[in-house]
Amino acid sequence: MSKKGTIVKIISLLLSCMFVLALAGCGQTATKPEPTTAPTKAPDAQQGSGSETTSDDGREMVGNMYKTGIPIVKEPVTYYAMGLQMNNTRPSNLDETELFQKIMKETNVYIDWDLIPQASWTETKNLKVASGEYPDLFYGPKSLSHDEVQKFGADGVLIDIEALLDEYAPNINKIRQDYPLYDGFVRSMDGKIYQLASFTDEGFDSHISSIINKEWLDKLNLKVPTNTDELYNVLKAFKENDLNENGINDEIPMSFLYQEGNDLNREVKRDYRPIYFAFGVVDTPFYIWINDNDEVVFTATTEEWKQATAYMVKLYQEGLIDPEVFTQDRTLLTNKLRTQKNVGVYFDYRKDLSMILEEDQEKYTFMPALKSPDGKQIWGRSQFFSEGGFAITSAAKNPEVLIRFIDYCNSEEYSVQMAFGMFKEAGWNETEALVPSETSPGKYEVNSGARPENVEPSDWFMSAPIAQGCTLLTKTALDKYVAEKASSVAKSEACAVYRPYLSKWPYNYAFKFSPEELEELSLLQTDIVNYVNQTVSKWMIEGGMEKEWDAYVAHLNNLDLERYIELYRTAFERVEK
């Protein structure tokens, strides 16, 4: 077998395994951690039960819970929460964060946190649900996908929390009123609310940015590319010159993450999609796009997608794309940018405060939305609501206590701290925090200037006590408390570059499927997405795209592609028509 053939088989196997793990977990399950704060479980009571009384301070009570004010409960209670550990720089147990220690002490509601690393999250979650030993709540970004919420809600794993929100969550209810799209986003196909979603309203409307090494361009007396032909010529020049001046031919013209995580509904931040934008198609990890004519399109058989893929094949086979894109993770790509300093073009959420070093920020610049062959420009719009946040299971006793707890966490004052760091005194330099602003009296600013010299800005940014939570941060709260945040400024700069070219519909549109549709979709999606991913990787490494294109399309049709599209079309029309 040829070396290329061996590589293709290995990559195809890896992609298949990653995708299958994303849909159906297998392996060891995590055990519930021992309580770290040691309050006992609440007195036994059925959900929503408890006689109404009046406390000594005149507050109304339902069982052990006060209906208003803090503490939330008279006697301490403990709940068990599971969530996805979003970043390894975060604490694995939120008990370790000062902010949650403060909130739990104030409310008398304690949480046993069980944050699972991303590599084992899907299998752990699926095994927990299958065994019936699920937690009291799922907590944090990306903890549950829309599809899982639909299924778990229909199966009785999750409870409908709308009535509890109406009665016990004034902060969240105001957000539902002020953001009608949010209320629609969190509703399942049956009209019920099983899960709250996280969001931060900073006006960000795109996720991914194209970033190019301007220092290299200047050395070659080249301009920032404006179309795919110019990009090709720039990448060729990057490859043929020793631009990092180390005497080694190690320049990587373009690098990215071929698959950034296993979740098909993931946010697209560091993969290759901008190349497809340049050919007029907003591609997605599951190859479904709602175009500007409100048509649900399967991207991976369109002429535009074919042209974009042929371009990718050409770049890869000429050595203009990093050969490790199929297997590398963010850590490896970051090392290439920070240590080896040998990457010409890459893609990221923002330019500054991310993968490149602070000292290199001025060496890079944004590459605009490239013009397609017909001269048009398009960029994938995103919505700022994130899947996963807060979902109560049927295992939880007195779920109204948890509703009051999450509502308290999302007061204007606490939602800001959950996202950006605690309010601290001037001079605080241990973690990212909000300190009194020197230029905006009464407001806070992020203590970027207190960052130790040996800590990168992006790592400092990730040290805020909670960005692991279910945070509903409104523009009103931001304007009230926060003067400026460097990472927000950096992302605003990125969004401004692409805003004129945004697609009508977000690439991460929240489709709503019935449980029966979800079951059918999962089977179709596994075969279709796996086949497309494996075929593209094969074409990039071995070639043969032109010869095999018709057979590729025919095979997709044999996988019942039309039904796959129809399921998405029905889910879209269910919401929009």
Protein backbone atom coordinates (compact mmCIF):
# COMPACT_ATOMS: atom_id res chain seq x y z
CA MET A 1 0.00 0.00 0.00
CA SER A 2 1.28 3.48 -0.81
CA LYS A 3 2.21 5.90 1.97
CA LYS A 4 -0.59 8.23 0.86
CA GLY A 5 -3.10 5.39 0.99
CA THR A 6 -2.03 4.51 4.51
CA ILE A 7 -2.38 8.13 5.63
CA VAL A 8 -5.86 8.37 4.09
CA LYS A 9 -7.01 5.21 5.89
CA ILE A 10 -5.66 6.46 9.21
CA ILE A 11 -7.30 9.87 8.81
CA SER A 12 -10.60 8.35 7.68
CA LEU A 13 -10.60 6.06 10.71
CA LEU A 14 -9.87 8.97 13.04
CA LEU A 15 -12.64 11.11 11.54
CA SER A 16 -15.13 8.24 11.75
CA CYS A 17 -14.27 7.51 15.37
CA MET A 18 -14.55 11.17 16.32
CA PHE A 19 -17.95 11.44 14.69
CA VAL A 20 -19.34 8.23 16.14
CA LEU A 21 -18.20 9.24 19.63
CA ALA A 22 -20.03 12.50 19.17
CA LEU A 23 -23.31 10.69 18.59
CA ALA A 24 -23.23 7.70 20.87
CA GLY A 25 -20.86 7.41 23.79
CA CYS A 26 -19.18 4.34 25.14
CA GLY A 27 -16.63 3.81 27.86
CA GLN A 28 -16.28 4.58 31.53
CA THR A 29 -18.66 6.82 33.39
CA ALA A 30 -17.62 9.51 35.82
CA THR A 31 -18.52 9.10 39.45
CA LYS A 32 -20.26 11.75 41.47
CA PRO A 33 -17.70 13.78 43.43
CA GLU A 34 -17.76 13.93 47.18
CA PRO A 35 -19.31 17.20 48.43
CA THR A 36 -16.63 19.79 49.11
CA THR A 37 -18.78 22.18 51.07
CA ALA A 38 -20.49 19.43 53.06
CA PRO A 39 -24.06 20.69 53.54
CA THR A 40 -26.53 17.85 53.61
CA LYS A 41 -29.15 17.10 51.00
CA ALA A 42 -32.39 19.01 51.33
CA PRO A 43 -35.18 17.45 53.34
CA ASP A 44 -37.00 15.00 51.09
CA ALA A 45 -39.82 16.59 49.14
CA GLN A 46 -41.41 15.99 45.77
CA GLN A 47 -40.89 18.44 42.95
CA GLY A 48 -42.83 21.63 43.46
CA SER A 49 -44.35 20.42 46.72
CA GLY A 50 -44.32 22.06 50.13
CA SER A 51 -46.79 24.06 52.15
CA GLU A 52 -46.66 27.86 51.97
CA THR A 53 -45.73 29.60 55.21
CA THR A 54 -44.29 32.91 56.36
CA SER A 55 -40.78 33.18 57.79
CA ASP A 56 -39.73 35.12 60.87
CA ASP A 57 -38.60 38.01 58.67
CA GLY A 58 -41.95 38.14 56.89
CA ARG A 59 -40.94 36.43 53.66
CA GLU A 60 -43.20 33.86 52.03
CA MET A 61 -41.85 30.32 52.01
CA VAL A 62 -42.63 27.14 50.09
CA GLY A 63 -41.35 24.28 52.19
CA ASN A 64 -37.68 25.04 52.88
CA MET A 65 -37.45 27.76 50.19
CA TYR A 66 -37.96 31.50 50.49
CA LYS A 67 -39.90 32.80 47.49
CA THR A 68 -37.85 36.02 47.38
CA GLY A 69 -34.57 37.40 48.73
CA ILE A 70 -31.53 35.59 50.07
CA PRO A 71 -30.72 33.14 51.38
CA ILE A 72 -32.81 31.13 48.96
CA VAL A 73 -33.38 28.29 51.41
CA LYS A 74 -33.53 28.15 55.19
CA GLU A 75 -31.60 24.89 55.57
CA PRO A 76 -28.60 24.29 53.28
CA VAL A 77 -29.19 22.04 50.26
CA THR A 78 -26.83 20.37 47.82
CA TYR A 79 -27.39 19.45 44.18
CA TYR A 80 -25.23 17.44 41.79
CA ALA A 81 -24.34 19.12 38.47
CA MET A 82 -22.53 17.75 35.42
CA GLY A 83 -21.01 19.85 32.69
CA LEU A 84 -18.38 20.04 29.99
CA GLN A 85 -15.01 21.39 31.04
CA MET A 86 -14.62 24.06 28.37
CA ASN A 87 -10.94 24.83 28.86
CA ASN A 88 -8.14 23.15 30.77
CA THR A 89 -7.11 26.45 32.34
CA ARG A 90 -10.44 26.53 34.18
CA PRO A 91 -10.85 24.84 37.55
CA SER A 92 -12.21 21.32 37.19
CA ASN A 93 -14.39 21.96 40.23
CA LEU A 94 -16.22 25.27 40.39
CA ASP A 95 -16.07 25.05 44.19
CA GLU A 96 -12.52 26.26 43.71
CA THR A 97 -13.70 29.58 42.32
CA GLU A 98 -14.13 32.43 44.76
CA LEU A 99 -17.21 33.72 42.99
CA PHE A 100 -19.20 30.51 43.31
CA GLN A 101 -18.08 30.10 46.90
CA LYS A 102 -19.56 33.53 47.55
CA ILE A 103 -22.80 32.82 45.70
CA MET A 104 -23.32 29.45 47.39
CA LYS A 105 -22.70 30.93 50.82
CA GLU A 106 -25.16 33.76 50.16
CA THR A 107 -27.90 31.50 48.81
CA ASN A 108 -27.41 28.43 51.04
CA VAL A 109 -27.61 26.40 47.80
CA TYR A 110 -24.49 24.29 47.24
CA ILE A 111 -23.49 22.42 44.10
CA ASP A 112 -21.32 19.33 43.70
CA TRP A 113 -19.68 20.11 40.37
CA ASP A 114 -18.59 17.36 38.01
CA LEU A 115 -16.87 18.92 34.99
CA ILE A 116 -15.89 16.34 32.39
CA PRO A 117 -13.05 16.86 29.87
CA GLN A 118 -14.22 17.32 26.30
CA ALA A 119 -12.63 14.08 25.09
CA SER A 120 -14.90 11.96 27.31
CA TRP A 121 -17.89 14.28 27.76
CA THR A 122 -20.21 12.75 25.17
CA GLU A 123 -19.68 9.15 26.25
CA THR A 124 -19.92 10.01 29.95
CA LYS A 125 -23.13 11.96 29.43
CA ASN A 126 -24.75 9.26 27.31
CA LEU A 127 -23.89 6.53 29.81
CA LYS A 128 -25.26 8.59 32.69
CA VAL A 129 -28.55 9.10 30.88
CA ALA A 130 -28.77 5.48 29.74
CA SER A 131 -28.18 4.22 33.28
CA GLY A 132 -30.84 6.47 34.76
CA GLU A 133 -28.28 7.83 37.23
CA TYR A 134 -28.21 11.30 35.76
CA PRO A 135 -27.38 14.44 37.73
CA ASP A 136 -29.79 16.98 39.16
CA LEU A 137 -28.80 19.39 36.44
CA PHE A 138 -26.65 19.77 33.35
CA TYR A 139 -24.73 23.00 33.58
CA GLY A 140 -22.54 25.14 31.36
CA PRO A 141 -21.95 25.92 27.68
CA LYS A 142 -22.23 23.01 25.24
CA SER A 143 -23.48 20.69 27.97
CA LEU A 144 -26.47 19.60 25.88
CA SER A 145 -27.14 20.13 22.19
CA HIS A 146 -30.56 21.13 20.83
CA ASP A 147 -31.05 17.60 19.58
CA GLU A 148 -30.27 16.10 22.97
CA VAL A 149 -32.63 18.52 24.69
CA GLN A 150 -35.45 17.51 22.35
CA LYS A 151 -34.82 13.82 23.00
CA PHE A 152 -34.18 14.04 26.74
CA GLY A 153 -37.23 16.25 27.18
CA ALA A 154 -39.47 13.82 25.33
CA ASP A 155 -38.01 10.90 27.30
CA GLY A 156 -38.68 12.57 30.64
CA VAL A 157 -35.02 13.02 31.54
CA LEU A 158 -35.41 16.82 31.57
CA ILE A 159 -38.29 18.77 33.07
CA ASP A 160 -40.16 21.70 31.54
CA ILE A 161 -39.05 24.75 33.52
CA GLU A 162 -41.24 27.46 31.96
CA ALA A 163 -43.78 27.64 34.80
CA LEU A 164 -40.97 27.77 37.36
CA LEU A 165 -39.28 30.56 35.42
CA ASP A 166 -42.52 32.52 35.29
CA GLU A 167 -42.93 32.30 39.05
CA TYR A 168 -39.39 32.41 40.44
CA ALA A 169 -37.03 33.98 37.87
CA PRO A 170 -37.62 37.74 37.44
CA ASN A 171 -34.14 38.40 36.02
CA ILE A 172 -34.39 35.68 33.40
CA ASN A 173 -37.98 36.55 32.56
CA LYS A 174 -36.97 40.11 31.76
CA ILE A 175 -34.35 38.75 29.38
CA ARG A 176 -36.97 36.55 27.72
CA GLN A 177 -39.14 39.64 27.23
CA ASP A 178 -36.31 41.88 26.01
CA TYR A 179 -34.84 39.23 23.70
CA PRO A 180 -37.73 37.48 21.91
CA LEU A 181 -35.24 35.52 19.80
CA TYR A 182 -33.80 34.07 22.99
CA ASP A 183 -37.18 32.83 24.13
CA GLY A 184 -37.66 31.16 20.76
CA PHE A 185 -34.15 29.72 20.83
CA VAL A 186 -34.65 27.91 24.15
CA ARG A 187 -38.05 26.45 23.25
CA SER A 188 -38.13 22.89 22.03
CA MET A 189 -40.23 21.73 19.13
CA ASP A 190 -43.06 20.86 21.54
CA GLY A 191 -43.10 24.47 22.78
CA LYS A 192 -41.61 23.65 26.17
CA ILE A 193 -38.48 25.06 27.79
CA TYR A 194 -36.17 22.32 29.01
CA GLN A 195 -32.90 24.25 28.93
CA LEU A 196 -31.64 27.80 29.26
CA ALA A 197 -28.98 28.93 26.81
CA SER A 198 -25.98 31.10 27.56
CA PHE A 199 -25.33 34.35 25.74
CA THR A 200 -23.34 37.56 25.93
CA ASP A 201 -24.77 40.49 24.02
CA GLU A 202 -21.68 42.38 22.94
CA GLY A 203 -22.88 42.80 19.38
CA PHE A 204 -20.74 39.97 18.00
CA ASP A 205 -22.31 38.58 14.83
CA SER A 206 -19.59 36.34 13.37
CA HIS A 207 -17.44 33.63 14.92
CA ILE A 208 -14.49 33.10 12.61
CA SER A 209 -11.80 35.44 11.27
CA SER A 210 -9.17 35.02 8.54
CA ILE A 211 -5.76 36.16 9.75
CA ILE A 212 -2.62 36.62 7.65
CA ASN A 213 1.01 37.32 8.51
CA LYS A 214 1.46 40.95 7.44
CA GLU A 215 5.16 40.94 8.28
CA TRP A 216 5.67 38.22 5.68
CA LEU A 217 3.62 40.15 3.13
CA ASP A 218 5.74 43.24 3.71
CA LYS A 219 8.97 41.28 3.25
CA LEU A 220 7.69 40.08 -0.11
CA ASN A 221 6.18 43.45 -1.07
CA LEU A 222 2.77 41.79 -1.43
CA LYS A 223 -0.69 43.07 -0.55
CA VAL A 224 -3.39 41.35 1.49
CA PRO A 225 -5.28 39.02 -0.90
CA THR A 226 -8.77 40.01 -2.04
CA ASN A 227 -9.71 36.87 -4.00
CA THR A 228 -8.73 33.21 -4.24
CA ASP A 229 -6.25 33.71 -7.08
CA GLU A 230 -4.36 36.32 -5.08
CA LEU A 231 -4.45 34.09 -2.00
CA TYR A 232 -2.94 31.21 -4.00
CA ASN A 233 -0.09 33.41 -5.21
CA VAL A 234 0.58 34.67 -1.68
CA LEU A 235 0.64 31.15 -0.25
CA LYS A 236 3.07 30.05 -2.97
CA ALA A 237 5.37 32.93 -2.05
CA PHE A 238 5.13 32.05 1.64
CA LYS A 239 6.20 28.48 0.89
CA GLU A 240 9.13 29.41 -1.33
CA ASN A 241 10.85 31.87 1.03
CA ASP A 242 12.56 31.62 4.44
CA LEU A 243 10.32 34.27 5.98
CA ASN A 244 10.95 33.41 9.63
CA GLU A 245 14.68 33.61 8.83
CA ASN A 246 15.74 30.44 10.63
CA GLY A 247 17.57 28.90 7.69
CA ILE A 248 15.05 26.05 7.44
CA ASN A 249 12.34 25.54 4.84
CA ASP A 250 9.65 25.11 7.52
CA GLU A 251 7.14 27.80 6.48
CA ILE A 252 3.52 26.63 6.66
CA PRO A 253 1.53 28.80 4.22
CA MET A 254 -1.87 27.97 5.75
CA SER A 255 -2.98 26.00 8.80
CA PHE A 256 -6.28 25.31 10.56
CA LEU A 257 -8.22 22.64 12.44
CA TYR A 258 -9.99 20.36 9.96
CA GLN A 259 -12.49 19.34 12.64
CA GLU A 260 -12.60 21.49 15.75
CA GLY A 261 -14.31 19.10 18.15
CA ASN A 262 -16.88 16.39 17.54
CA ASP A 263 -20.10 18.37 17.93
CA LEU A 264 -21.73 19.01 14.56
CA ASN A 265 -23.49 22.02 16.07
CA ARG A 266 -20.19 23.46 17.26
CA GLU A 267 -19.23 27.08 16.82
CA VAL A 268 -17.01 27.41 13.75
CA LYS A 269 -13.94 29.38 14.88
CA ARG A 270 -10.72 27.78 13.64
CA ASP A 271 -11.49 25.56 10.67
CA TYR A 272 -11.35 26.12 6.91
CA ARG A 273 -14.89 27.50 6.24
CA PRO A 274 -13.70 30.95 5.06
CA ILE A 275 -12.26 29.23 1.97
CA TYR A 276 -15.79 28.06 1.13
CA PHE A 277 -17.22 31.51 1.85
CA ALA A 278 -14.87 32.73 -0.90
CA PHE A 279 -16.75 30.57 -3.40
CA GLY A 280 -20.16 31.81 -2.29
CA VAL A 281 -21.27 29.02 0.03
CA VAL A 282 -21.68 29.19 3.81
CA ASP A 283 -20.59 25.66 4.63
CA THR A 284 -21.32 24.07 8.01
CA PRO A 285 -20.07 20.97 9.85
CA PHE A 286 -23.27 19.12 8.89
CA TYR A 287 -23.34 20.56 5.34
CA ILE A 288 -26.70 22.30 5.62
CA TRP A 289 -27.06 26.01 4.83
CA ILE A 290 -30.06 28.33 4.70
CA ASN A 291 -29.22 30.64 1.81
CA ASP A 292 -30.34 34.25 1.41
CA ASN A 293 -33.38 33.08 -0.59
CA ASP A 294 -34.59 31.15 2.49
CA GLU A 295 -33.80 27.83 0.82
CA VAL A 296 -32.41 24.90 2.81
CA VAL A 297 -29.42 23.66 0.82
CA PHE A 298 -27.13 20.67 1.16
CA THR A 299 -23.82 22.37 0.45
CA ALA A 300 -21.63 19.40 -0.42
CA THR A 301 -23.15 18.73 -3.85
CA THR A 302 -23.43 22.33 -5.08
CA GLU A 303 -21.23 23.69 -7.85
CA GLU A 304 -19.85 26.35 -5.49
CA TRP A 305 -18.86 23.73 -2.92
CA LYS A 306 -17.27 21.62 -5.67
CA GLN A 307 -15.16 24.59 -6.77
CA ALA A 308 -14.12 25.35 -3.19
CA THR A 309 -13.16 21.74 -2.55
CA ALA A 310 -11.14 21.58 -5.77
CA TYR A 311 -9.31 24.70 -4.59
CA MET A 312 -8.59 23.06 -1.23
CA VAL A 313 -7.30 19.94 -2.99
CA LYS A 314 -5.00 22.07 -5.11
CA LEU A 315 -3.61 23.95 -2.10
CA TYR A 316 -2.99 20.76 -0.13
CA GLN A 317 -1.34 18.85 -2.96
CA GLU A 318 1.00 21.77 -3.67
CA GLY A 319 2.08 21.86 -0.04
CA LEU A 320 0.29 25.12 0.74
CA ILE A 321 -1.84 23.64 3.54
CA ASP A 322 -0.37 22.22 6.73
CA PRO A 323 -0.27 18.39 6.37
CA GLU A 324 -1.24 18.09 10.04
CA VAL A 325 -4.62 19.84 9.68
CA PHE A 326 -6.50 16.53 9.91
CA THR A 327 -5.04 15.53 13.26
CA GLN A 328 -3.77 18.62 15.08
CA ASP A 329 -5.61 20.27 17.96
CA ARG A 330 -5.65 23.86 19.12
CA THR A 331 -2.63 23.30 21.38
CA LEU A 332 -0.42 22.18 18.50
CA LEU A 333 -1.58 24.99 16.23
CA THR A 334 -0.96 27.52 19.00
CA ASN A 335 2.56 26.17 19.44
CA LYS A 336 3.27 26.68 15.74
CA LEU A 337 2.09 30.28 15.97
CA ARG A 338 3.77 31.15 19.27
CA THR A 339 6.95 29.09 19.28
CA GLN A 340 7.81 28.06 15.74
CA LYS A 341 6.35 31.27 14.28
CA ASN A 342 6.07 29.62 10.89
CA VAL A 343 2.40 30.01 9.86
CA GLY A 344 1.29 32.46 7.17
CA VAL A 345 -2.52 32.20 7.25
CA TYR A 346 -4.78 30.78 9.94
CA PHE A 347 -8.34 31.19 11.23
CA ASP A 348 -9.48 32.13 14.72
CA TYR A 349 -12.25 33.73 16.76
CA ARG A 350 -10.28 36.99 16.90
CA LYS A 351 -6.74 38.10 16.13
CA ASP A 352 -5.57 39.61 19.42
CA LEU A 353 -5.87 37.83 22.77
CA SER A 354 -5.96 34.42 21.18
CA MET A 355 -3.40 32.02 19.73
CA ILE A 356 -0.61 34.44 18.80
CA LEU A 357 1.70 36.08 21.31
CA GLU A 358 1.04 39.65 22.37
CA GLU A 359 4.39 40.69 20.91
CA ASP A 360 3.30 39.34 17.51
CA GLN A 361 -0.15 40.91 17.34
CA GLU A 362 0.95 43.77 15.09
CA LYS A 363 2.67 41.33 12.74
CA TYR A 364 -0.70 39.92 11.67
CA THR A 365 -3.74 41.51 10.09
CA PHE A 366 -7.22 40.45 9.01
CA MET A 367 -7.81 39.06 5.56
CA PRO A 368 -11.18 40.32 4.27
CA ALA A 369 -14.02 38.24 2.90
CA LEU A 370 -12.49 37.07 -0.37
CA LYS A 371 -14.40 37.76 -3.57
CA SER A 372 -15.96 34.74 -5.23
CA PRO A 373 -15.38 34.04 -8.94
CA ASP A 374 -18.48 36.16 -9.73
CA GLY A 375 -17.19 39.03 -7.59
CA LYS A 376 -19.50 38.56 -4.60
CA GLN A 377 -18.49 38.45 -0.94
CA ILE A 378 -20.23 36.53 1.84
CA TRP A 379 -19.42 35.60 5.43
CA GLY A 380 -21.18 33.23 7.80
CA ARG A 381 -23.40 35.04 10.29
CA SER A 382 -23.58 33.67 13.83
CA GLN A 383 -26.06 34.12 16.62
CA PHE A 384 -24.78 34.86 20.11
CA PHE A 385 -26.90 32.24 21.87
CA SER A 386 -24.86 29.17 22.80
CA GLU A 387 -26.24 25.66 23.07
CA GLY A 388 -26.15 24.29 26.56
CA GLY A 389 -26.44 26.25 29.73
CA PHE A 390 -28.81 25.03 32.38
CA ALA A 391 -31.18 22.05 32.32
CA ILE A 392 -32.87 20.41 35.32
CA THR A 393 -33.46 16.67 35.29
CA SER A 394 -36.28 14.70 36.81
CA ALA A 395 -33.81 13.52 39.47
CA ALA A 396 -33.79 16.96 41.12
CA LYS A 397 -35.95 17.50 44.16
CA ASN A 398 -37.50 20.93 44.58
CA PRO A 399 -36.39 22.23 41.18
CA GLU A 400 -37.74 25.66 42.04
CA VAL A 401 -34.69 26.08 44.29
CA LEU A 402 -32.41 25.63 41.30
CA ILE A 403 -34.46 28.12 39.30
CA ARG A 404 -34.04 30.73 42.03
CA PHE A 405 -30.33 29.91 42.18
CA ILE A 406 -29.70 30.40 38.44
CA ASP A 407 -31.80 33.54 38.44
CA TYR A 408 -29.70 34.96 41.27
CA CYS A 409 -26.53 34.14 39.31
CA ASN A 410 -27.95 36.14 36.42
CA SER A 411 -28.74 39.37 38.15
CA GLU A 412 -27.03 42.22 36.29
CA GLU A 413 -24.31 42.44 38.93
CA TYR A 414 -23.47 38.74 38.99
CA SER A 415 -23.86 38.04 35.26
CA VAL A 416 -21.06 40.52 34.57
CA GLN A 417 -18.81 38.84 37.13
CA MET A 418 -19.66 35.36 35.86
CA ALA A 419 -18.36 36.36 32.44
CA PHE A 420 -15.45 38.68 33.18
CA GLY A 421 -14.23 38.10 36.71
CA MET A 422 -15.10 39.29 40.19
CA PHE A 423 -15.31 42.89 41.31
CA LYS A 424 -11.96 43.49 43.00
CA GLU A 425 -10.07 46.35 44.54
CA ALA A 426 -7.60 48.37 42.48
CA GLY A 427 -4.27 46.59 42.10
CA TRP A 428 -5.65 43.04 42.06
CA ASN A 429 -3.17 40.93 40.07
CA GLU A 430 -3.87 37.26 40.78
CA THR A 431 -6.46 36.57 38.08
CA GLU A 432 -8.42 38.44 35.48
CA ALA A 433 -10.93 40.57 37.39
CA LEU A 434 -12.98 43.74 37.22
CA VAL A 435 -11.36 46.63 39.07
CA PRO A 436 -12.57 50.24 39.46
CA SER A 437 -12.15 52.14 36.21
CA GLU A 438 -9.79 55.09 36.23
CA THR A 439 -11.57 56.75 33.32
CA SER A 440 -15.24 55.86 33.90
CA PRO A 441 -16.28 56.58 37.51
CA GLY A 442 -18.69 54.03 38.93
CA LYS A 443 -17.73 51.40 36.37
CA TYR A 444 -15.21 48.59 36.25
CA GLU A 445 -12.56 47.61 33.76
CA VAL A 446 -10.62 44.41 33.25
CA ASN A 447 -7.27 44.47 35.05
CA SER A 448 -5.24 43.76 31.92
CA GLY A 449 -2.41 45.96 33.18
CA ALA A 450 -1.93 43.73 36.23
CA ARG A 451 -1.06 40.70 34.13
CA PRO A 452 2.32 39.21 35.08
CA GLU A 453 4.93 39.39 32.32
CA ASN A 454 5.23 35.62 32.07
CA VAL A 455 1.50 35.14 31.44
CA GLU A 456 0.11 35.54 27.93
CA PRO A 457 -2.92 37.86 27.53
CA SER A 458 -5.07 35.01 26.21
CA ASP A 459 -4.16 32.83 29.21
CA TRP A 460 -4.85 35.72 31.59
CA PHE A 461 -8.20 36.22 29.89
CA MET A 462 -9.01 32.54 30.49
CA SER A 463 -8.29 32.85 34.23
CA ALA A 464 -11.54 34.69 35.02
CA PRO A 465 -13.33 32.78 37.78
CA ILE A 466 -16.36 31.75 35.74
CA ALA A 467 -16.87 31.62 32.04
CA GLN A 468 -17.89 28.03 32.54
CA GLY A 469 -21.33 29.00 33.71
CA CYS A 470 -24.78 29.60 32.32
CA THR A 471 -24.38 33.34 31.85
CA LEU A 472 -27.07 35.57 30.36
CA LEU A 473 -25.24 38.85 29.94
CA THR A 474 -27.23 41.72 28.45
CA LYS A 475 -26.00 44.90 26.82
CA THR A 476 -27.72 46.80 29.64
CA ALA A 477 -25.65 45.03 32.30
CA LEU A 478 -22.46 45.54 30.31
CA ASP A 479 -23.07 49.26 29.86
CA LYS A 480 -23.95 49.63 33.53
CA TYR A 481 -20.87 47.97 35.01
CA VAL A 482 -18.09 47.54 32.45
CA ALA A 483 -16.02 50.36 30.96
CA GLU A 484 -13.99 48.32 28.52
CA LYS A 485 -12.63 44.82 28.05
CA ALA A 486 -9.64 44.17 25.82
CA SER A 487 -10.89 40.82 24.50
CA SER A 488 -14.24 42.40 23.61
CA VAL A 489 -12.51 45.23 21.78
CA ALA A 490 -10.44 42.67 19.87
CA LYS A 491 -13.52 40.69 18.86
CA SER A 492 -15.41 43.84 17.91
CA GLU A 493 -12.58 44.71 15.54
CA ALA A 494 -12.86 41.27 13.95
CA CYS A 495 -16.64 41.48 13.55
CA ALA A 496 -16.41 44.92 11.94
CA VAL A 497 -14.25 43.49 9.14
CA TYR A 498 -16.90 40.97 8.08
CA ARG A 499 -20.19 42.65 9.03
CA PRO A 500 -20.86 44.10 5.54
CA TYR A 501 -20.83 40.61 4.05
CA LEU A 502 -22.83 38.57 6.57
CA SER A 503 -25.30 35.96 5.37
CA LYS A 504 -28.99 36.48 6.07
CA TRP A 505 -29.33 33.41 8.29
CA PRO A 506 -26.86 32.28 10.96
CA TYR A 507 -24.85 29.19 10.10
CA ASN A 508 -25.66 27.90 13.62
CA TYR A 509 -29.41 28.21 13.16
CA ALA A 510 -31.44 26.41 15.84
CA PHE A 511 -33.43 23.81 13.92
CA LYS A 512 -36.29 22.22 15.84
CA PHE A 513 -36.92 18.52 15.26
CA SER A 514 -39.45 16.12 16.71
CA PRO A 515 -38.07 13.11 18.63
CA GLU A 516 -38.98 10.86 15.72
CA GLU A 517 -37.22 13.16 13.27
CA LEU A 518 -34.15 13.27 15.48
CA GLU A 519 -33.93 9.49 15.55
CA GLU A 520 -34.13 9.32 11.78
CA LEU A 521 -31.76 12.25 11.33
CA SER A 522 -29.05 10.78 13.54
CA LEU A 523 -28.82 7.68 11.36
CA LEU A 524 -28.76 9.61 8.10
CA GLN A 525 -26.35 12.22 9.41
CA THR A 526 -23.79 9.71 10.60
CA ASP A 527 -23.48 8.12 7.17
CA ILE A 528 -23.68 11.33 5.15
CA VAL A 529 -21.32 13.51 7.18
CA ASN A 530 -18.81 10.71 7.66
CA TYR A 531 -18.79 10.01 3.94
CA VAL A 532 -18.27 13.65 2.97
CA ASN A 533 -15.50 14.18 5.55
CA GLN A 534 -13.64 11.03 4.55
CA THR A 535 -14.00 11.69 0.84
CA VAL A 536 -12.71 15.26 1.07
CA SER A 537 -9.69 14.17 3.12
CA LYS A 538 -9.00 11.42 0.56
CA TRP A 539 -9.21 13.87 -2.34
CA MET A 540 -6.90 16.32 -0.60
CA ILE A 541 -4.24 13.67 0.00
CA GLU A 542 -4.61 11.41 -3.05
CA GLY A 543 -6.46 13.51 -5.62
CA GLY A 544 -9.03 11.99 -7.99
CA MET A 545 -11.82 14.45 -7.30
CA GLU A 546 -12.79 15.19 -10.91
CA LYS A 547 -12.87 11.52 -11.84
CA GLU A 548 -14.83 10.51 -8.74
CA TRP A 549 -17.26 13.43 -8.43
CA ASP A 550 -20.25 11.83 -10.15
CA ALA A 551 -19.85 8.62 -8.16
CA TYR A 552 -19.56 10.69 -4.98
CA VAL A 553 -22.87 12.46 -5.67
CA ALA A 554 -24.55 9.19 -6.61
CA HIS A 555 -23.41 7.57 -3.37
CA LEU A 556 -24.80 10.48 -1.34
CA ASN A 557 -28.13 10.09 -3.10
CA ASN A 558 -28.08 6.39 -2.22
CA LEU A 559 -27.63 7.40 1.42
CA ASP A 560 -31.07 9.06 1.16
CA LEU A 561 -29.72 12.58 0.85
CA GLU A 562 -33.09 13.95 -0.23
CA ARG A 563 -34.68 12.80 3.04
CA TYR A 564 -31.80 14.35 5.00
CA ILE A 565 -32.46 17.70 3.32
CA GLU A 566 -36.21 17.31 3.78
CA LEU A 567 -35.80 16.85 7.54
CA TYR A 568 -33.88 20.11 7.82
CA ARG A 569 -36.31 21.90 5.50
CA THR A 570 -39.25 20.79 7.63
CA ALA A 571 -37.47 21.85 10.83
CA PHE A 572 -36.75 25.28 9.35
CA GLU A 573 -40.26 25.84 8.04
CA ARG A 574 -41.69 24.76 11.37
CA VAL A 575 -40.10 27.84 12.94
CA GLU A 576 -40.13 30.41 10.16
CA LYS A 577 -43.25 29.76 8.08
